[in-house]
């Protein structure tokens, strides 16, 4: 999958952003991006040990274990600036039945609020086999929750704790009727 669109980089320029499916040659770049965006996102929000655990080496090992056809990269000037990962069928931590799962969506802080996250989410939704999607988000991550709400997601009401006792909110774009 490759798509290109203009994003509003700042008030003076437009920049081309391309969304493409992850390939093995980009594994190291994706891993570096994963570790950096993880730190940017969760510093002060989750236990520091969990923040520090996601190094580029750790992220590369995770990347190698995942199906690259289910990871999308946002590229600007051929450099990764964001990524999304998804599962065709939601994993056991998701309570919403019959949905795909958005497992991750991260964008570099310097290009957030410029349409990159929206492009990644729309491309992932298009690539997923199911109409409805669920995701988990750290309850303290109010920016992400607001973004997903803006994109048509809502809370399922389920809040769980991860392995570090961090509250996690489940969100979905499924309607109540679709979940019955």
N, C-alpha and C. Protein backbone atom coordinates (compact mmCIF):
# COMPACT_ATOMS: atom_id res chain seq x y z
N UNK A 1 0.84 -1.16 0.00
CA UNK A 1 0.00 0.00 0.00
C UNK A 1 0.89 1.23 0.00
N UNK A 2 0.65 2.10 -0.94
CA UNK A 2 1.34 3.39 -0.97
C UNK A 2 0.33 4.46 -1.31
N UNK A 3 0.28 5.48 -0.49
CA UNK A 3 -0.55 6.63 -0.77
C UNK A 3 0.27 7.87 -0.46
N UNK A 4 0.00 8.94 -1.16
CA UNK A 4 0.68 10.20 -0.92
C UNK A 4 -0.37 11.29 -0.75
N UNK A 5 -0.13 12.18 0.17
CA UNK A 5 -1.03 13.29 0.40
C UNK A 5 -0.23 14.48 0.90
N UNK A 6 -0.82 15.64 0.76
CA UNK A 6 -0.22 16.85 1.31
C UNK A 6 -0.66 16.98 2.75
N UNK A 7 0.24 17.39 3.59
CA UNK A 7 -0.15 17.71 4.96
C UNK A 7 0.25 19.14 5.24
N UNK A 8 -0.44 19.75 6.15
CA UNK A 8 -0.13 21.10 6.53
C UNK A 8 1.03 21.05 7.51
N UNK A 9 2.25 21.17 7.02
CA UNK A 9 3.44 21.06 7.85
C UNK A 9 3.57 22.23 8.81
N UNK A 10 3.35 23.40 8.32
CA UNK A 10 3.26 24.59 9.18
C UNK A 10 2.48 25.62 8.39
N UNK A 11 2.36 26.81 8.91
CA UNK A 11 1.52 27.81 8.26
C UNK A 11 2.11 28.30 6.94
N UNK A 12 3.35 27.99 6.65
CA UNK A 12 3.99 28.52 5.45
C UNK A 12 4.19 27.51 4.34
N UNK A 13 4.26 26.21 4.67
CA UNK A 13 4.57 25.22 3.65
C UNK A 13 3.67 24.01 3.73
N UNK A 14 3.53 23.33 2.62
CA UNK A 14 2.91 22.01 2.57
C UNK A 14 4.01 21.02 2.27
N UNK A 15 3.91 19.87 2.85
CA UNK A 15 4.92 18.85 2.63
C UNK A 15 4.23 17.55 2.24
N UNK A 16 4.86 16.79 1.34
CA UNK A 16 4.32 15.50 0.95
C UNK A 16 4.60 14.48 2.04
N UNK A 17 3.57 13.77 2.39
CA UNK A 17 3.69 12.63 3.31
C UNK A 17 3.18 11.42 2.57
N UNK A 18 3.96 10.35 2.63
CA UNK A 18 3.60 9.11 1.95
C UNK A 18 3.36 8.04 3.01
N UNK A 19 2.32 7.26 2.83
CA UNK A 19 2.03 6.12 3.69
C UNK A 19 2.39 4.86 2.91
N UNK A 20 3.22 4.02 3.50
CA UNK A 20 3.56 2.76 2.84
C UNK A 20 3.60 1.63 3.85
N UNK A 21 3.42 0.43 3.36
CA UNK A 21 3.50 -0.77 4.19
C UNK A 21 4.96 -1.01 4.54
N UNK A 22 5.19 -1.41 5.78
CA UNK A 22 6.55 -1.68 6.25
C UNK A 22 7.20 -2.80 5.45
N UNK A 23 8.46 -2.60 5.10
CA UNK A 23 9.27 -3.64 4.46
C UNK A 23 10.51 -3.87 5.34
N UNK A 24 11.16 -5.01 5.16
CA UNK A 24 12.30 -5.38 5.99
C UNK A 24 13.41 -4.33 5.95
N UNK A 25 13.59 -3.68 4.82
CA UNK A 25 14.68 -2.69 4.75
C UNK A 25 14.44 -1.50 5.66
N UNK A 26 13.19 -1.28 6.06
CA UNK A 26 12.87 -0.16 6.95
C UNK A 26 12.71 -0.57 8.42
N UNK A 27 12.95 -1.85 8.73
CA UNK A 27 12.82 -2.30 10.12
C UNK A 27 13.65 -1.44 11.08
N UNK A 28 14.95 -1.18 10.79
CA UNK A 28 15.74 -0.37 11.75
C UNK A 28 15.18 1.05 11.93
N UNK A 29 14.72 1.68 10.84
CA UNK A 29 14.16 3.02 10.95
C UNK A 29 12.86 3.01 11.76
N UNK A 30 12.03 2.01 11.53
CA UNK A 30 10.78 1.89 12.27
C UNK A 30 11.08 1.69 13.75
N UNK A 31 12.08 0.86 14.06
CA UNK A 31 12.44 0.61 15.46
C UNK A 31 12.92 1.88 16.15
N UNK A 32 13.75 2.66 15.48
CA UNK A 32 14.21 3.94 16.05
C UNK A 32 13.02 4.87 16.30
N UNK A 33 12.12 4.95 15.32
CA UNK A 33 10.92 5.78 15.45
C UNK A 33 10.05 5.29 16.61
N UNK A 34 9.88 3.98 16.71
CA UNK A 34 9.07 3.39 17.76
C UNK A 34 9.61 3.78 19.14
N UNK A 35 10.91 3.61 19.35
CA UNK A 35 11.51 3.93 20.64
C UNK A 35 11.38 5.43 20.96
N UNK A 36 11.64 6.27 19.97
CA UNK A 36 11.56 7.72 20.18
C UNK A 36 10.13 8.18 20.48
N UNK A 37 9.18 7.74 19.68
CA UNK A 37 7.79 8.17 19.90
C UNK A 37 7.23 7.60 21.19
N UNK A 38 7.67 6.41 21.58
CA UNK A 38 7.27 5.82 22.86
C UNK A 38 7.70 6.73 24.01
N UNK A 39 8.98 7.14 23.98
CA UNK A 39 9.49 8.03 25.04
C UNK A 39 8.77 9.37 25.02
N UNK A 40 8.59 9.94 23.83
CA UNK A 40 7.88 11.23 23.73
C UNK A 40 6.47 11.13 24.31
N UNK A 41 5.79 10.04 24.00
CA UNK A 41 4.40 9.89 24.40
C UNK A 41 4.23 9.61 25.88
N UNK A 42 5.03 8.71 26.43
CA UNK A 42 4.75 8.17 27.76
C UNK A 42 5.61 8.70 28.89
N UNK A 43 6.61 9.55 28.60
CA UNK A 43 7.43 10.12 29.65
C UNK A 43 6.54 10.83 30.66
N UNK A 44 6.60 10.42 31.94
CA UNK A 44 5.80 11.03 32.98
C UNK A 44 4.36 10.53 33.05
N UNK A 45 3.97 9.65 32.14
CA UNK A 45 2.59 9.16 32.07
C UNK A 45 2.48 7.73 32.58
N UNK A 46 3.54 6.95 32.38
CA UNK A 46 3.57 5.56 32.84
C UNK A 46 4.86 5.37 33.64
N UNK A 47 4.99 4.29 34.38
CA UNK A 47 6.22 4.08 35.17
C UNK A 47 7.48 4.19 34.30
N UNK A 48 8.49 4.86 34.85
CA UNK A 48 9.72 5.13 34.10
C UNK A 48 10.39 3.85 33.61
N UNK A 49 10.32 2.79 34.38
CA UNK A 49 10.92 1.53 33.95
C UNK A 49 10.32 1.01 32.66
N UNK A 50 9.02 1.23 32.49
CA UNK A 50 8.34 0.81 31.26
C UNK A 50 8.72 1.73 30.10
N UNK A 51 8.88 3.03 30.38
CA UNK A 51 9.34 3.96 29.34
C UNK A 51 10.73 3.55 28.86
N UNK A 52 11.62 3.30 29.82
CA UNK A 52 13.01 2.98 29.49
C UNK A 52 13.18 1.62 28.81
N UNK A 53 12.22 0.73 29.00
CA UNK A 53 12.30 -0.62 28.44
C UNK A 53 12.29 -0.61 26.91
N UNK A 54 11.60 0.34 26.31
CA UNK A 54 11.46 0.35 24.85
C UNK A 54 12.62 1.13 24.22
N UNK A 55 13.71 0.42 24.05
CA UNK A 55 14.90 0.93 23.38
C UNK A 55 14.79 0.62 21.89
N UNK A 56 15.64 1.20 21.05
CA UNK A 56 15.62 0.81 19.63
C UNK A 56 15.84 -0.70 19.43
N UNK A 57 16.68 -1.31 20.25
CA UNK A 57 16.94 -2.74 20.12
C UNK A 57 15.69 -3.55 20.49
N UNK A 58 15.03 -3.16 21.56
CA UNK A 58 13.79 -3.82 21.97
C UNK A 58 12.74 -3.65 20.88
N UNK A 59 12.59 -2.42 20.37
CA UNK A 59 11.60 -2.15 19.33
C UNK A 59 11.90 -2.93 18.05
N UNK A 60 13.18 -3.12 17.72
CA UNK A 60 13.54 -3.90 16.54
C UNK A 60 13.13 -5.36 16.72
N UNK A 61 13.35 -5.91 17.92
CA UNK A 61 12.94 -7.29 18.18
C UNK A 61 11.42 -7.43 18.06
N UNK A 62 10.68 -6.45 18.56
CA UNK A 62 9.21 -6.46 18.45
C UNK A 62 8.80 -6.36 16.98
N UNK A 63 9.44 -5.47 16.25
CA UNK A 63 9.13 -5.27 14.84
C UNK A 63 9.33 -6.57 14.05
N UNK A 64 10.39 -7.27 14.35
CA UNK A 64 10.69 -8.52 13.64
C UNK A 64 9.66 -9.60 13.94
N UNK A 65 9.03 -9.55 15.12
CA UNK A 65 8.02 -10.56 15.48
C UNK A 65 6.66 -10.27 14.86
N UNK A 66 6.40 -9.02 14.46
CA UNK A 66 5.10 -8.65 13.92
C UNK A 66 5.07 -8.83 12.41
N UNK A 67 3.87 -9.01 11.89
CA UNK A 67 3.67 -9.13 10.44
C UNK A 67 3.86 -7.74 9.82
N UNK A 68 4.90 -7.56 9.00
CA UNK A 68 5.14 -6.22 8.44
C UNK A 68 4.01 -5.73 7.54
N UNK A 69 3.21 -6.65 7.01
CA UNK A 69 2.11 -6.21 6.15
C UNK A 69 1.00 -5.55 6.97
N UNK A 70 1.12 -5.60 8.30
CA UNK A 70 0.13 -4.99 9.19
C UNK A 70 0.71 -3.77 9.91
N UNK A 71 1.79 -3.24 9.33
CA UNK A 71 2.40 -2.01 9.85
C UNK A 71 2.51 -1.01 8.72
N UNK A 72 2.05 0.19 8.96
CA UNK A 72 2.11 1.27 7.98
C UNK A 72 3.05 2.35 8.50
N UNK A 73 3.88 2.88 7.60
CA UNK A 73 4.78 3.97 7.93
C UNK A 73 4.33 5.25 7.23
N UNK A 74 4.40 6.35 7.96
CA UNK A 74 4.23 7.67 7.35
C UNK A 74 5.64 8.20 7.09
N UNK A 75 5.90 8.58 5.86
CA UNK A 75 7.23 9.06 5.47
C UNK A 75 7.15 10.48 4.94
N UNK A 76 8.10 11.29 5.35
CA UNK A 76 8.25 12.64 4.81
C UNK A 76 9.71 12.78 4.40
N UNK A 77 9.95 13.16 3.16
CA UNK A 77 11.31 13.21 2.63
C UNK A 77 12.01 11.86 2.85
N UNK A 78 11.26 10.79 2.68
CA UNK A 78 11.72 9.41 2.80
C UNK A 78 12.18 9.04 4.21
N UNK A 79 11.83 9.84 5.21
CA UNK A 79 12.15 9.54 6.61
C UNK A 79 10.86 9.22 7.36
N UNK A 80 10.85 8.15 8.15
CA UNK A 80 9.65 7.81 8.92
C UNK A 80 9.33 8.88 9.98
N UNK A 81 8.07 9.29 10.02
CA UNK A 81 7.62 10.28 11.00
C UNK A 81 6.45 9.76 11.82
N UNK A 82 5.95 8.58 11.48
CA UNK A 82 4.86 7.97 12.23
C UNK A 82 4.62 6.56 11.74
N UNK A 83 3.90 5.78 12.57
CA UNK A 83 3.54 4.43 12.16
C UNK A 83 2.26 3.99 12.84
N UNK A 84 1.62 3.03 12.21
CA UNK A 84 0.43 2.39 12.77
C UNK A 84 0.58 0.89 12.59
N UNK A 85 0.16 0.13 13.60
CA UNK A 85 0.15 -1.33 13.52
C UNK A 85 -1.25 -1.82 13.84
N UNK A 86 -1.67 -2.88 13.15
CA UNK A 86 -3.02 -3.38 13.40
C UNK A 86 -3.07 -4.89 13.29
N UNK A 87 -4.13 -5.45 13.84
CA UNK A 87 -4.41 -6.88 13.78
C UNK A 87 -5.73 -7.08 13.06
N UNK A 88 -5.80 -8.07 12.19
CA UNK A 88 -7.05 -8.35 11.48
C UNK A 88 -8.17 -8.69 12.46
N UNK A 89 -7.84 -9.44 13.50
CA UNK A 89 -8.79 -9.80 14.55
C UNK A 89 -8.23 -9.33 15.88
N UNK A 90 -9.07 -8.68 16.67
CA UNK A 90 -8.63 -8.14 17.95
C UNK A 90 -8.11 -9.25 18.86
N UNK A 91 -7.10 -8.89 19.65
CA UNK A 91 -6.51 -9.83 20.60
C UNK A 91 -7.38 -10.00 21.84
N UNK A 92 -6.93 -10.82 22.77
CA UNK A 92 -7.73 -11.17 23.94
C UNK A 92 -7.97 -10.02 24.92
N UNK A 93 -7.19 -8.96 24.84
CA UNK A 93 -7.39 -7.82 25.75
C UNK A 93 -8.54 -6.91 25.32
N UNK A 94 -9.07 -7.13 24.13
CA UNK A 94 -10.17 -6.31 23.60
C UNK A 94 -11.48 -7.04 23.87
N UNK A 95 -12.44 -6.33 24.47
CA UNK A 95 -13.72 -6.97 24.81
C UNK A 95 -14.77 -6.82 23.71
N UNK A 96 -14.60 -5.86 22.82
CA UNK A 96 -15.56 -5.64 21.74
C UNK A 96 -15.49 -6.81 20.77
N UNK A 97 -16.60 -7.52 20.55
CA UNK A 97 -16.56 -8.71 19.69
C UNK A 97 -16.51 -8.37 18.20
N UNK A 98 -15.86 -9.24 17.42
CA UNK A 98 -15.91 -9.18 15.97
C UNK A 98 -15.27 -7.96 15.34
N UNK A 99 -14.19 -7.45 15.94
CA UNK A 99 -13.55 -6.24 15.41
C UNK A 99 -12.08 -6.52 15.10
N UNK A 100 -11.50 -5.67 14.26
CA UNK A 100 -10.05 -5.63 14.10
C UNK A 100 -9.50 -4.78 15.25
N UNK A 101 -8.18 -4.75 15.38
CA UNK A 101 -7.58 -3.98 16.48
C UNK A 101 -6.48 -3.07 15.96
N UNK A 102 -6.54 -1.81 16.34
CA UNK A 102 -5.44 -0.89 16.12
C UNK A 102 -4.50 -1.06 17.30
N UNK A 103 -3.35 -1.68 17.07
CA UNK A 103 -2.43 -1.98 18.16
C UNK A 103 -1.52 -0.83 18.53
N UNK A 104 -1.25 0.05 17.57
CA UNK A 104 -0.34 1.18 17.83
C UNK A 104 -0.56 2.24 16.77
N UNK A 105 -0.43 3.49 17.19
CA UNK A 105 -0.40 4.63 16.28
C UNK A 105 0.44 5.70 16.97
N UNK A 106 1.61 5.96 16.41
CA UNK A 106 2.53 6.94 16.99
C UNK A 106 3.02 7.88 15.90
N UNK A 107 3.13 9.15 16.25
CA UNK A 107 3.61 10.18 15.34
C UNK A 107 4.63 11.03 16.11
N UNK A 108 5.73 11.38 15.46
CA UNK A 108 6.72 12.25 16.10
C UNK A 108 6.06 13.52 16.63
N UNK A 109 6.46 13.94 17.80
CA UNK A 109 5.88 15.12 18.41
C UNK A 109 5.95 16.36 17.53
N UNK A 110 7.03 16.52 16.79
CA UNK A 110 7.21 17.72 15.98
C UNK A 110 6.25 17.81 14.80
N UNK A 111 5.60 16.70 14.43
CA UNK A 111 4.64 16.75 13.32
C UNK A 111 3.23 16.37 13.75
N UNK A 112 3.00 16.31 15.06
CA UNK A 112 1.64 16.04 15.53
C UNK A 112 0.75 17.25 15.24
N UNK A 113 -0.55 16.98 15.13
CA UNK A 113 -1.58 18.00 14.85
C UNK A 113 -1.41 18.61 13.45
N UNK A 114 -0.82 17.81 12.56
CA UNK A 114 -0.64 18.27 11.18
C UNK A 114 -1.23 17.28 10.17
N UNK A 115 -2.02 16.33 10.64
CA UNK A 115 -2.72 15.42 9.75
C UNK A 115 -2.08 14.07 9.55
N UNK A 116 -0.89 13.84 10.11
CA UNK A 116 -0.18 12.57 9.91
C UNK A 116 -0.94 11.44 10.60
N UNK A 117 -1.35 11.64 11.85
CA UNK A 117 -2.10 10.62 12.57
C UNK A 117 -3.39 10.27 11.86
N UNK A 118 -4.07 11.28 11.35
CA UNK A 118 -5.31 11.05 10.61
C UNK A 118 -5.05 10.22 9.35
N UNK A 119 -3.98 10.55 8.63
CA UNK A 119 -3.63 9.78 7.43
C UNK A 119 -3.32 8.33 7.78
N UNK A 120 -2.55 8.12 8.84
CA UNK A 120 -2.21 6.76 9.25
C UNK A 120 -3.45 5.98 9.67
N UNK A 121 -4.30 6.62 10.48
CA UNK A 121 -5.50 5.93 10.94
C UNK A 121 -6.41 5.59 9.77
N UNK A 122 -6.62 6.52 8.86
CA UNK A 122 -7.48 6.25 7.71
C UNK A 122 -6.91 5.13 6.84
N UNK A 123 -5.59 5.13 6.65
CA UNK A 123 -4.97 4.06 5.84
C UNK A 123 -5.10 2.71 6.55
N UNK A 124 -4.92 2.70 7.87
CA UNK A 124 -5.06 1.45 8.62
C UNK A 124 -6.51 0.95 8.57
N UNK A 125 -7.46 1.85 8.76
CA UNK A 125 -8.88 1.45 8.70
C UNK A 125 -9.21 0.86 7.33
N UNK A 126 -8.66 1.45 6.29
CA UNK A 126 -8.89 0.96 4.94
C UNK A 126 -8.26 -0.42 4.73
N UNK A 127 -7.12 -0.67 5.38
CA UNK A 127 -6.40 -1.93 5.19
C UNK A 127 -6.97 -3.07 6.05
N UNK A 128 -7.67 -2.74 7.12
CA UNK A 128 -8.20 -3.78 8.01
C UNK A 128 -9.40 -4.47 7.37
N UNK A 129 -9.53 -5.78 7.59
CA UNK A 129 -10.60 -6.52 6.94
C UNK A 129 -11.99 -6.30 7.56
N UNK A 130 -12.04 -5.81 8.76
CA UNK A 130 -13.33 -5.64 9.43
C UNK A 130 -13.72 -4.17 9.44
N UNK A 131 -15.01 -3.94 9.38
CA UNK A 131 -15.53 -2.58 9.35
C UNK A 131 -15.28 -1.84 10.66
N UNK A 132 -15.37 -2.58 11.75
CA UNK A 132 -15.23 -1.95 13.06
C UNK A 132 -13.91 -2.32 13.70
N UNK A 133 -13.41 -1.39 14.52
CA UNK A 133 -12.08 -1.48 15.09
C UNK A 133 -12.15 -1.11 16.57
N UNK A 134 -11.31 -1.73 17.37
CA UNK A 134 -11.15 -1.35 18.76
C UNK A 134 -9.67 -1.10 19.03
N UNK A 135 -9.40 -0.38 20.10
CA UNK A 135 -8.03 -0.06 20.48
C UNK A 135 -7.97 0.15 21.98
N UNK A 136 -6.76 0.10 22.51
CA UNK A 136 -6.51 0.38 23.91
C UNK A 136 -5.63 1.61 23.99
N UNK A 137 -5.92 2.49 24.96
CA UNK A 137 -5.16 3.73 25.11
C UNK A 137 -4.96 3.99 26.60
N UNK A 138 -3.77 4.46 26.95
CA UNK A 138 -3.50 4.82 28.34
C UNK A 138 -4.48 5.92 28.75
N UNK A 139 -5.15 5.71 29.87
CA UNK A 139 -6.20 6.63 30.31
C UNK A 139 -5.68 8.06 30.52
N UNK A 140 -4.43 8.20 30.92
CA UNK A 140 -3.84 9.54 31.09
C UNK A 140 -3.49 10.21 29.77
N UNK A 141 -3.53 9.47 28.66
CA UNK A 141 -3.16 10.02 27.37
C UNK A 141 -4.36 10.75 26.76
N UNK A 142 -4.67 11.89 27.35
CA UNK A 142 -5.86 12.64 26.94
C UNK A 142 -5.75 13.16 25.51
N UNK A 143 -4.53 13.43 25.03
CA UNK A 143 -4.38 13.87 23.63
C UNK A 143 -4.81 12.76 22.67
N UNK A 144 -4.38 11.53 22.94
CA UNK A 144 -4.76 10.41 22.08
C UNK A 144 -6.26 10.15 22.16
N UNK A 145 -6.82 10.20 23.36
CA UNK A 145 -8.26 9.97 23.51
C UNK A 145 -9.04 11.01 22.73
N UNK A 146 -8.64 12.26 22.82
CA UNK A 146 -9.32 13.33 22.07
C UNK A 146 -9.19 13.11 20.57
N UNK A 147 -8.01 12.68 20.11
CA UNK A 147 -7.81 12.40 18.69
C UNK A 147 -8.75 11.29 18.23
N UNK A 148 -8.80 10.19 18.97
CA UNK A 148 -9.65 9.07 18.56
C UNK A 148 -11.13 9.46 18.60
N UNK A 149 -11.53 10.25 19.58
CA UNK A 149 -12.92 10.72 19.61
C UNK A 149 -13.21 11.59 18.39
N UNK A 150 -12.29 12.45 18.03
CA UNK A 150 -12.43 13.29 16.84
C UNK A 150 -12.57 12.43 15.58
N UNK A 151 -11.92 11.27 15.59
CA UNK A 151 -11.94 10.37 14.43
C UNK A 151 -13.10 9.37 14.48
N UNK A 152 -14.03 9.55 15.42
CA UNK A 152 -15.24 8.73 15.43
C UNK A 152 -15.24 7.56 16.41
N UNK A 153 -14.23 7.48 17.26
CA UNK A 153 -14.18 6.42 18.26
C UNK A 153 -14.84 6.90 19.55
N UNK A 154 -15.25 5.96 20.38
CA UNK A 154 -15.82 6.28 21.69
C UNK A 154 -15.39 5.21 22.69
N UNK A 155 -15.48 5.56 23.95
CA UNK A 155 -15.12 4.62 25.01
C UNK A 155 -16.13 3.49 25.05
N UNK A 156 -15.63 2.28 25.31
CA UNK A 156 -16.54 1.15 25.54
C UNK A 156 -16.96 1.11 27.00
N UNK A 157 -16.32 1.92 27.81
CA UNK A 157 -16.57 1.92 29.25
C UNK A 157 -15.66 0.98 30.00
N UNK A 158 -14.88 0.17 29.28
CA UNK A 158 -14.00 -0.78 29.92
C UNK A 158 -12.65 -0.13 30.21
N UNK A 159 -12.25 -0.17 31.47
CA UNK A 159 -10.93 0.29 31.89
C UNK A 159 -10.26 -0.89 32.58
N UNK A 160 -9.08 -1.24 32.11
CA UNK A 160 -8.33 -2.34 32.70
C UNK A 160 -6.97 -1.81 33.16
N UNK A 161 -6.22 -2.65 33.83
CA UNK A 161 -4.86 -2.30 34.25
C UNK A 161 -3.87 -3.14 33.48
N UNK A 162 -2.79 -2.50 33.01
CA UNK A 162 -1.74 -3.27 32.33
C UNK A 162 -0.82 -3.90 33.37
N UNK A 163 0.28 -4.48 32.91
CA UNK A 163 1.20 -5.18 33.81
C UNK A 163 1.88 -4.24 34.81
N UNK A 164 1.83 -2.94 34.57
CA UNK A 164 2.44 -1.95 35.46
C UNK A 164 1.39 -1.17 36.23
N UNK A 165 0.16 -1.71 36.27
CA UNK A 165 -0.98 -1.08 36.96
C UNK A 165 -1.36 0.28 36.38
N UNK A 166 -1.10 0.47 35.10
CA UNK A 166 -1.50 1.69 34.40
C UNK A 166 -2.91 1.50 33.86
N UNK A 167 -3.85 2.40 34.18
CA UNK A 167 -5.21 2.27 33.64
C UNK A 167 -5.23 2.43 32.12
N UNK A 168 -5.90 1.49 31.46
CA UNK A 168 -6.00 1.44 30.00
C UNK A 168 -7.48 1.49 29.63
N UNK A 169 -7.83 2.40 28.72
CA UNK A 169 -9.21 2.57 28.25
C UNK A 169 -9.38 1.87 26.91
N UNK A 170 -10.46 1.13 26.75
CA UNK A 170 -10.79 0.53 25.46
C UNK A 170 -11.72 1.48 24.71
N UNK A 171 -11.42 1.70 23.43
CA UNK A 171 -12.24 2.55 22.58
C UNK A 171 -12.58 1.77 21.31
N UNK A 172 -13.67 2.15 20.66
CA UNK A 172 -14.07 1.50 19.41
C UNK A 172 -14.81 2.49 18.53
N UNK A 173 -14.88 2.16 17.25
CA UNK A 173 -15.73 2.91 16.34
C UNK A 173 -17.02 2.13 16.04
N UNK A 174 -17.19 1.00 16.72
CA UNK A 174 -18.39 0.17 16.53
C UNK A 174 -19.57 0.80 17.25
N UNK A 175 -20.72 0.65 16.65
CA UNK A 175 -21.95 1.10 17.30
C UNK A 175 -22.45 0.01 18.22
N UNK A 176 -23.31 0.34 19.16
CA UNK A 176 -23.86 -0.68 20.06
C UNK A 176 -24.56 -1.78 19.27
N UNK A 177 -25.29 -1.42 18.23
CA UNK A 177 -26.00 -2.40 17.42
C UNK A 177 -25.04 -3.36 16.74
N UNK A 178 -23.86 -2.86 16.32
CA UNK A 178 -22.89 -3.70 15.64
C UNK A 178 -22.25 -4.70 16.59
N UNK A 179 -22.27 -4.43 17.87
CA UNK A 179 -21.62 -5.29 18.86
C UNK A 179 -22.55 -6.38 19.38
N UNK A 180 -23.80 -6.36 19.00
CA UNK A 180 -24.75 -7.35 19.53
C UNK A 180 -24.75 -8.62 18.71
